[in-house]
Amino acid sequence: MAIEKHCPCKRWLGKVFCPWPSVHNILLLLAVLYLLSLASLTASEWASWVQAIGSIGAIWGALALGRRQIKNQASTKMDELEARSGAYLAVVESACKNSARLSDLVSNGTAVSGLHMLWDYHLGELFRTNLNMLKAIPAHELGSYELVVEHSVMVTKLMRMEATLLNLFKLQEEHKRLQPRWIEFQYDEIVGDNELAQESLTRYKDAHMAKIESARSRSRV
């Protein structure tokens, strides 16, 4: 307490150098003494020192430039990863959105004939387009085991939904009488497959976020 009371830290220089018997003050004193010892160097010796300092500066600049380039490359790769993964996620969400719409239609007890008309009008084309886009996603680019598994589940369930529905339409076109209980069973199959697809979508989103966060953490190192 006595040292703080009489310490000239109220002035700016005091704040910088106080307390006086410190490591950084000792190192500063040694540096000053070393610079004073250089005053007796010859012109050629000074030139050598200037050249050495210049070389050190050039090396430091090259290292700084290299670090900046590495950082920029990592940032570019991160942007590419987020864009590609975001595009895959958009395809997955769109496909599951259409499967949910189909599930809602059969859950409401839509007649097979009415469902067939909706399918031929626009729903079928949307469903097939989304399913084809979903199947076109390269599994090796998804980036994690969880994403690959959930992607394969969604593809499988949407294919089953389409196959079940097309089989209903085929039987109807063949003028076969479809038993209500059998139709209900087929509708339940479609609803069940959609539920599994939606669960996989939720897990896919979680795995997607974990992948992005992991990549961001690595890029910050």
C-alpha atoms as a PDB file:
ATOM      1  CA  MET A   1       0.000   0.000   0.000  1.00  0.00           C
ATOM      2  CA  ALA A   2       2.889   2.345   0.805  1.00  0.00           C
ATOM      3  CA  ILE A   3       4.397   1.778  -2.641  1.00  0.00           C
ATOM      4  CA  GLU A   4       1.089   2.641  -4.329  1.00  0.00           C
ATOM      5  CA  LYS A   5       0.774   5.798  -2.197  1.00  0.00           C
ATOM      6  CA  HIS A   6       4.175   7.215  -3.182  1.00  0.00           C
ATOM      7  CA  CYS A   7       4.246   5.757  -6.723  1.00  0.00           C
ATOM      8  CA  PRO A   8       4.216   8.508  -9.426  1.00  0.00           C
ATOM      9  CA  CYS A   9       1.487   6.642 -11.363  1.00  0.00           C
ATOM     10  CA  LYS A  10      -0.678   9.715 -11.545  1.00  0.00           C
ATOM     11  CA  ARG A  11       1.374  10.881 -14.502  1.00  0.00           C
ATOM     12  CA  TRP A  12       1.289   9.077 -17.875  1.00  0.00           C
ATOM     13  CA  LEU A  13       4.913   7.971 -17.810  1.00  0.00           C
ATOM     14  CA  GLY A  14       4.418   6.662 -14.309  1.00  0.00           C
ATOM     15  CA  LYS A  15       1.494   4.570 -15.454  1.00  0.00           C
ATOM     16  CA  VAL A  16       3.601   3.049 -18.242  1.00  0.00           C
ATOM     17  CA  PHE A  17       6.745   2.249 -16.265  1.00  0.00           C
ATOM     18  CA  CYS A  18       5.381   1.677 -12.763  1.00  0.00           C
ATOM     19  CA  PRO A  19       6.270  -0.369 -10.836  1.00  0.00           C
ATOM     20  CA  TRP A  20       9.905   0.449 -11.616  1.00  0.00           C
ATOM     21  CA  PRO A  21      11.528  -2.897 -10.611  1.00  0.00           C
ATOM     22  CA  SER A  22       9.519  -4.946 -13.141  1.00  0.00           C
ATOM     23  CA  VAL A  23      10.543  -7.450 -15.820  1.00  0.00           C
ATOM     24  CA  HIS A  24       9.471  -5.311 -18.763  1.00  0.00           C
ATOM     25  CA  ASN A  25      11.429  -2.290 -17.408  1.00  0.00           C
ATOM     26  CA  ILE A  26      14.557  -4.422 -16.999  1.00  0.00           C
ATOM     27  CA  LEU A  27      14.211  -5.722 -20.574  1.00  0.00           C
ATOM     28  CA  LEU A  28      13.673  -2.166 -21.808  1.00  0.00           C
ATOM     29  CA  LEU A  29      16.831  -1.005 -20.004  1.00  0.00           C
ATOM     30  CA  LEU A  30      18.846  -3.844 -21.533  1.00  0.00           C
ATOM     31  CA  ALA A  31      17.528  -2.945 -24.983  1.00  0.00           C
ATOM     32  CA  VAL A  32      18.515   0.687 -24.543  1.00  0.00           C
ATOM     33  CA  LEU A  33      22.013  -0.321 -23.415  1.00  0.00           C
ATOM     34  CA  TYR A  34      22.327  -2.608 -26.435  1.00  0.00           C
ATOM     35  CA  LEU A  35      21.299   0.179 -28.816  1.00  0.00           C
ATOM     36  CA  LEU A  36      23.843   2.502 -27.219  1.00  0.00           C
ATOM     37  CA  SER A  37      26.530  -0.125 -27.765  1.00  0.00           C
ATOM     38  CA  LEU A  38      25.718  -0.092 -31.463  1.00  0.00           C
ATOM     39  CA  ALA A  39      26.713   3.569 -31.702  1.00  0.00           C
ATOM     40  CA  SER A  40      30.351   2.564 -32.074  1.00  0.00           C
ATOM     41  CA  LEU A  41      29.691   0.344 -35.125  1.00  0.00           C
ATOM     42  CA  THR A  42      31.352   1.122 -38.441  1.00  0.00           C
ATOM     43  CA  ALA A  43      29.385   2.001 -41.584  1.00  0.00           C
ATOM     44  CA  SER A  44      29.755  -1.529 -42.972  1.00  0.00           C
ATOM     45  CA  GLU A  45      28.578  -3.020 -39.681  1.00  0.00           C
ATOM     46  CA  TRP A  46      25.563  -0.706 -39.696  1.00  0.00           C
ATOM     47  CA  ALA A  47      24.798  -1.785 -43.261  1.00  0.00           C
ATOM     48  CA  SER A  48      24.910  -5.423 -42.180  1.00  0.00           C
ATOM     49  CA  TRP A  49      22.524  -4.733 -39.333  1.00  0.00           C
ATOM     50  CA  VAL A  50      20.142  -2.831 -41.617  1.00  0.00           C
ATOM     51  CA  GLN A  51      20.246  -5.709 -44.104  1.00  0.00           C
ATOM     52  CA  ALA A  52      19.559  -8.237 -41.360  1.00  0.00           C
ATOM     53  CA  ILE A  53      16.646  -6.213 -40.007  1.00  0.00           C
ATOM     54  CA  GLY A  54      15.287  -5.844 -43.540  1.00  0.00           C
ATOM     55  CA  SER A  55      15.494  -9.597 -44.093  1.00  0.00           C
ATOM     56  CA  ILE A  56      13.640 -10.235 -40.852  1.00  0.00           C
ATOM     57  CA  GLY A  57      10.980  -7.754 -41.913  1.00  0.00           C
ATOM     58  CA  ALA A  58      10.624  -9.451 -45.295  1.00  0.00           C
ATOM     59  CA  ILE A  59      10.247 -12.853 -43.655  1.00  0.00           C
ATOM     60  CA  TRP A  60       7.668 -11.487 -41.256  1.00  0.00           C
ATOM     61  CA  GLY A  61       5.748  -9.908 -44.141  1.00  0.00           C
ATOM     62  CA  ALA A  62       5.802 -13.166 -46.099  1.00  0.00           C
ATOM     63  CA  LEU A  63       4.499 -15.082 -43.089  1.00  0.00           C
ATOM     64  CA  ALA A  64       1.742 -12.528 -42.538  1.00  0.00           C
ATOM     65  CA  LEU A  65       0.752 -12.723 -46.203  1.00  0.00           C
ATOM     66  CA  GLY A  66       0.746 -16.518 -46.066  1.00  0.00           C
ATOM     67  CA  ARG A  67      -1.466 -16.515 -42.986  1.00  0.00           C
ATOM     68  CA  ARG A  68      -3.860 -14.096 -44.674  1.00  0.00           C
ATOM     69  CA  GLN A  69      -4.064 -16.268 -47.806  1.00  0.00           C
ATOM     70  CA  ILE A  70      -4.695 -19.393 -45.732  1.00  0.00           C
ATOM     71  CA  LYS A  71      -7.439 -17.579 -43.830  1.00  0.00           C
ATOM     72  CA  ASN A  72      -9.045 -16.387 -47.078  1.00  0.00           C
ATOM     73  CA  GLN A  73      -8.924 -19.906 -48.534  1.00  0.00           C
ATOM     74  CA  ALA A  74     -10.519 -21.343 -45.397  1.00  0.00           C
ATOM     75  CA  SER A  75     -13.236 -18.680 -45.555  1.00  0.00           C
ATOM     76  CA  THR A  76     -13.909 -19.477 -49.223  1.00  0.00           C
ATOM     77  CA  LYS A  77     -14.159 -23.212 -48.514  1.00  0.00           C
ATOM     78  CA  MET A  78     -16.514 -22.502 -45.631  1.00  0.00           C
ATOM     79  CA  ASP A  79     -18.746 -20.392 -47.871  1.00  0.00           C
ATOM     80  CA  GLU A  80     -18.804 -23.157 -50.498  1.00  0.00           C
ATOM     81  CA  LEU A  81     -19.639 -25.770 -47.863  1.00  0.00           C
ATOM     82  CA  GLU A  82     -22.509 -23.719 -46.454  1.00  0.00           C
ATOM     83  CA  ALA A  83     -23.910 -23.008 -49.931  1.00  0.00           C
ATOM     84  CA  ARG A  84     -23.761 -26.658 -51.024  1.00  0.00           C
ATOM     85  CA  SER A  85     -25.135 -28.019 -47.749  1.00  0.00           C
ATOM     86  CA  GLY A  86     -27.880 -25.386 -47.762  1.00  0.00           C
ATOM     87  CA  ALA A  87     -28.897 -26.416 -51.273  1.00  0.00           C
ATOM     88  CA  TYR A  88     -29.105 -30.076 -50.233  1.00  0.00           C
ATOM     89  CA  LEU A  89     -31.193 -29.127 -47.213  1.00  0.00           C
ATOM     90  CA  ALA A  90     -33.577 -27.143 -49.434  1.00  0.00           C
ATOM     91  CA  VAL A  91     -34.078 -30.199 -51.666  1.00  0.00           C
ATOM     92  CA  VAL A  92     -34.726 -32.434 -48.655  1.00  0.00           C
ATOM     93  CA  GLU A  93     -37.228 -29.994 -47.131  1.00  0.00           C
ATOM     94  CA  SER A  94     -39.082 -29.561 -50.422  1.00  0.00           C
ATOM     95  CA  ALA A  95     -39.380 -33.319 -50.935  1.00  0.00           C
ATOM     96  CA  CYS A  96     -40.699 -33.883 -47.424  1.00  0.00           C
ATOM     97  CA  LYS A  97     -43.109 -30.969 -47.808  1.00  0.00           C
ATOM     98  CA  ASN A  98     -44.739 -32.702 -50.763  1.00  0.00           C
ATOM     99  CA  SER A  99     -44.817 -36.051 -48.962  1.00  0.00           C
ATOM    100  CA  ALA A 100     -46.579 -34.336 -46.047  1.00  0.00           C
ATOM    101  CA  ARG A 101     -49.125 -32.864 -48.440  1.00  0.00           C
ATOM    102  CA  LEU A 102     -49.839 -36.293 -49.913  1.00  0.00           C
ATOM    103  CA  SER A 103     -50.174 -37.733 -46.413  1.00  0.00           C
ATOM    104  CA  ASP A 104     -52.688 -35.031 -45.493  1.00  0.00           C
ATOM    105  CA  LEU A 105     -54.809 -35.871 -48.529  1.00  0.00           C
ATOM    106  CA  VAL A 106     -55.044 -39.571 -47.704  1.00  0.00           C
ATOM    107  CA  SER A 107     -55.531 -38.847 -43.997  1.00  0.00           C
ATOM    108  CA  ASN A 108     -58.596 -36.798 -44.890  1.00  0.00           C
ATOM    109  CA  GLY A 109     -60.025 -39.793 -46.732  1.00  0.00           C
ATOM    110  CA  THR A 110     -59.772 -38.353 -50.240  1.00  0.00           C
ATOM    111  CA  ALA A 111     -61.309 -40.787 -52.719  1.00  0.00           C
ATOM    112  CA  VAL A 112     -58.898 -42.670 -54.950  1.00  0.00           C
ATOM    113  CA  SER A 113     -60.484 -41.129 -58.051  1.00  0.00           C
ATOM    114  CA  GLY A 114     -60.098 -37.593 -56.689  1.00  0.00           C
ATOM    115  CA  LEU A 115     -56.554 -38.313 -55.548  1.00  0.00           C
ATOM    116  CA  HIS A 116     -55.786 -39.649 -59.024  1.00  0.00           C
ATOM    117  CA  MET A 117     -56.977 -36.406 -60.612  1.00  0.00           C
ATOM    118  CA  LEU A 118     -54.873 -34.293 -58.243  1.00  0.00           C
ATOM    119  CA  TRP A 119     -51.877 -36.495 -58.917  1.00  0.00           C
ATOM    120  CA  ASP A 120     -52.204 -36.187 -62.675  1.00  0.00           C
ATOM    121  CA  TYR A 121     -52.955 -32.475 -62.507  1.00  0.00           C
ATOM    122  CA  HIS A 122     -49.896 -31.249 -60.596  1.00  0.00           C
ATOM    123  CA  LEU A 123     -49.159 -33.147 -57.396  1.00  0.00           C
ATOM    124  CA  GLY A 124     -47.561 -36.122 -59.127  1.00  0.00           C
ATOM    125  CA  GLU A 125     -45.139 -33.993 -61.139  1.00  0.00           C
ATOM    126  CA  LEU A 126     -44.061 -32.064 -58.053  1.00  0.00           C
ATOM    127  CA  PHE A 127     -43.614 -35.265 -56.073  1.00  0.00           C
ATOM    128  CA  ARG A 128     -41.575 -36.982 -58.814  1.00  0.00           C
ATOM    129  CA  THR A 129     -39.408 -33.921 -59.418  1.00  0.00           C
ATOM    130  CA  ASN A 130     -38.572 -33.566 -55.729  1.00  0.00           C
ATOM    131  CA  LEU A 131     -37.932 -37.279 -55.373  1.00  0.00           C
ATOM    132  CA  ASN A 132     -35.588 -37.300 -58.378  1.00  0.00           C
ATOM    133  CA  MET A 133     -33.708 -34.307 -56.991  1.00  0.00           C
ATOM    134  CA  LEU A 134     -33.484 -36.036 -53.621  1.00  0.00           C
ATOM    135  CA  LYS A 135     -32.093 -39.199 -55.213  1.00  0.00           C
ATOM    136  CA  ALA A 136     -29.599 -37.114 -57.228  1.00  0.00           C
ATOM    137  CA  ILE A 137     -27.868 -35.795 -54.084  1.00  0.00           C
ATOM    138  CA  PRO A 138     -24.444 -37.523 -53.971  1.00  0.00           C
ATOM    139  CA  ALA A 139     -24.237 -39.357 -50.658  1.00  0.00           C
ATOM    140  CA  HIS A 140     -20.436 -38.991 -50.475  1.00  0.00           C
ATOM    141  CA  GLU A 141     -20.815 -35.193 -50.375  1.00  0.00           C
ATOM    142  CA  LEU A 142     -23.224 -35.102 -47.445  1.00  0.00           C
ATOM    143  CA  GLY A 143     -20.334 -35.110 -45.013  1.00  0.00           C
ATOM    144  CA  SER A 144     -21.439 -37.292 -42.111  1.00  0.00           C
ATOM    145  CA  TYR A 145     -22.811 -40.737 -41.343  1.00  0.00           C
ATOM    146  CA  GLU A 146     -26.001 -39.308 -39.849  1.00  0.00           C
ATOM    147  CA  LEU A 147     -26.765 -37.258 -42.972  1.00  0.00           C
ATOM    148  CA  VAL A 148     -26.228 -40.267 -45.240  1.00  0.00           C
ATOM    149  CA  VAL A 149     -28.509 -42.482 -43.130  1.00  0.00           C
ATOM    150  CA  GLU A 150     -31.356 -39.957 -42.904  1.00  0.00           C
ATOM    151  CA  HIS A 151     -31.073 -39.144 -46.601  1.00  0.00           C
ATOM    152  CA  SER A 152     -31.396 -42.827 -47.521  1.00  0.00           C
ATOM    153  CA  VAL A 153     -34.409 -43.225 -45.209  1.00  0.00           C
ATOM    154  CA  MET A 154     -36.220 -40.304 -46.818  1.00  0.00           C
ATOM    155  CA  VAL A 155     -35.506 -41.563 -50.333  1.00  0.00           C
ATOM    156  CA  THR A 156     -36.777 -45.033 -49.440  1.00  0.00           C
ATOM    157  CA  LYS A 157     -39.968 -43.822 -47.757  1.00  0.00           C
ATOM    158  CA  LEU A 158     -40.901 -41.419 -50.545  1.00  0.00           C
ATOM    159  CA  MET A 159     -40.353 -44.153 -53.135  1.00  0.00           C
ATOM    160  CA  ARG A 160     -42.642 -46.462 -51.144  1.00  0.00           C
ATOM    161  CA  MET A 161     -45.312 -43.770 -50.938  1.00  0.00           C
ATOM    162  CA  GLU A 162     -45.224 -43.237 -54.687  1.00  0.00           C
ATOM    163  CA  ALA A 163     -45.289 -46.990 -55.422  1.00  0.00           C
ATOM    164  CA  THR A 164     -48.264 -47.554 -53.106  1.00  0.00           C
ATOM    165  CA  LEU A 165     -50.211 -44.719 -54.678  1.00  0.00           C
ATOM    166  CA  LEU A 166     -49.442 -45.742 -58.266  1.00  0.00           C
ATOM    167  CA  ASN A 167     -50.542 -49.288 -57.475  1.00  0.00           C
ATOM    168  CA  LEU A 168     -53.902 -47.938 -56.272  1.00  0.00           C
ATOM    169  CA  PHE A 169     -54.296 -45.944 -59.455  1.00  0.00           C
ATOM    170  CA  LYS A 170     -53.411 -48.960 -61.595  1.00  0.00           C
ATOM    171  CA  LEU A 171     -56.018 -51.138 -59.921  1.00  0.00           C
ATOM    172  CA  GLN A 172     -58.611 -48.409 -60.305  1.00  0.00           C
ATOM    173  CA  GLU A 173     -57.832 -48.046 -64.018  1.00  0.00           C
ATOM    174  CA  GLU A 174     -58.288 -51.796 -64.437  1.00  0.00           C
ATOM    175  CA  HIS A 175     -61.863 -51.324 -63.170  1.00  0.00           C
ATOM    176  CA  LYS A 176     -61.269 -53.518 -60.184  1.00  0.00           C
ATOM    177  CA  ARG A 177     -63.452 -52.947 -57.197  1.00  0.00           C
ATOM    178  CA  LEU A 178     -61.296 -51.679 -54.358  1.00  0.00           C
ATOM    179  CA  GLN A 179     -62.423 -52.678 -50.888  1.00  0.00           C
ATOM    180  CA  PRO A 180     -62.689 -49.678 -48.510  1.00  0.00           C
ATOM    181  CA  ARG A 181     -60.744 -51.475 -45.789  1.00  0.00           C
ATOM    182  CA  TRP A 182     -57.969 -52.309 -48.224  1.00  0.00           C
ATOM    183  CA  ILE A 183     -57.829 -48.701 -49.423  1.00  0.00           C
ATOM    184  CA  GLU A 184     -57.675 -47.583 -45.797  1.00  0.00           C
ATOM    185  CA  PHE A 185     -54.790 -49.956 -45.190  1.00  0.00           C
ATOM    186  CA  GLN A 186     -52.889 -48.561 -48.187  1.00  0.00           C
ATOM    187  CA  TYR A 187     -53.579 -45.023 -47.027  1.00  0.00           C
ATOM    188  CA  ASP A 188     -52.245 -45.918 -43.570  1.00  0.00           C
ATOM    189  CA  GLU A 189     -49.081 -47.207 -45.213  1.00  0.00           C
ATOM    190  CA  ILE A 190     -48.603 -43.873 -46.960  1.00  0.00           C
ATOM    191  CA  VAL A 191     -49.200 -41.945 -43.729  1.00  0.00           C
ATOM    192  CA  GLY A 192     -46.764 -44.169 -41.830  1.00  0.00           C
ATOM    193  CA  ASP A 193     -44.047 -43.756 -44.450  1.00  0.00           C
ATOM    194  CA  ASN A 194     -44.505 -39.985 -44.359  1.00  0.00           C
ATOM    195  CA  GLU A 195     -44.183 -39.918 -40.572  1.00  0.00           C
ATOM    196  CA  LEU A 196     -40.877 -41.768 -40.793  1.00  0.00           C
ATOM    197  CA  ALA A 197     -39.724 -39.388 -43.531  1.00  0.00           C
ATOM    198  CA  GLN A 198     -40.592 -36.353 -41.384  1.00  0.00           C
ATOM    199  CA  GLU A 199     -38.705 -37.820 -38.426  1.00  0.00           C
ATOM    200  CA  SER A 200     -35.689 -38.352 -40.663  1.00  0.00           C
ATOM    201  CA  LEU A 201     -36.007 -34.746 -41.852  1.00  0.00           C
ATOM    202  CA  THR A 202     -35.782 -33.515 -38.256  1.00  0.00           C
ATOM    203  CA  ARG A 203     -32.678 -35.618 -37.610  1.00  0.00           C
ATOM    204  CA  TYR A 204     -31.204 -34.504 -40.931  1.00  0.00           C
ATOM    205  CA  LYS A 205     -31.580 -30.850 -39.933  1.00  0.00           C
ATOM    206  CA  ASP A 206     -29.869 -31.513 -36.603  1.00  0.00           C
ATOM    207  CA  ALA A 207     -26.997 -33.321 -38.325  1.00  0.00           C
ATOM    208  CA  HIS A 208     -26.760 -30.502 -40.879  1.00  0.00           C
ATOM    209  CA  MET A 209     -26.383 -27.860 -38.151  1.00  0.00           C
ATOM    210  CA  ALA A 210     -23.812 -29.998 -36.311  1.00  0.00           C
ATOM    211  CA  LYS A 211     -21.817 -30.342 -39.531  1.00  0.00           C
ATOM    212  CA  ILE A 212     -21.810 -26.583 -40.184  1.00  0.00           C
ATOM    213  CA  GLU A 213     -20.883 -25.717 -36.589  1.00  0.00           C
ATOM    214  CA  SER A 214     -18.033 -28.240 -36.644  1.00  0.00           C
ATOM    215  CA  ALA A 215     -16.712 -26.809 -39.897  1.00  0.00           C
ATOM    216  CA  ARG A 216     -16.884 -23.268 -38.511  1.00  0.00           C
ATOM    217  CA  SER A 217     -14.979 -24.293 -35.399  1.00  0.00           C
ATOM    218  CA  ARG A 218     -12.214 -25.849 -37.498  1.00  0.00           C
ATOM    219  CA  SER A 219     -12.006 -22.764 -39.718  1.00  0.00           C
ATOM    220  CA  ARG A 220     -11.502 -20.529 -36.672  1.00  0.00           C
ATOM    221  CA  VAL A 221      -8.531 -22.551 -35.423  1.00  0.00           C
END
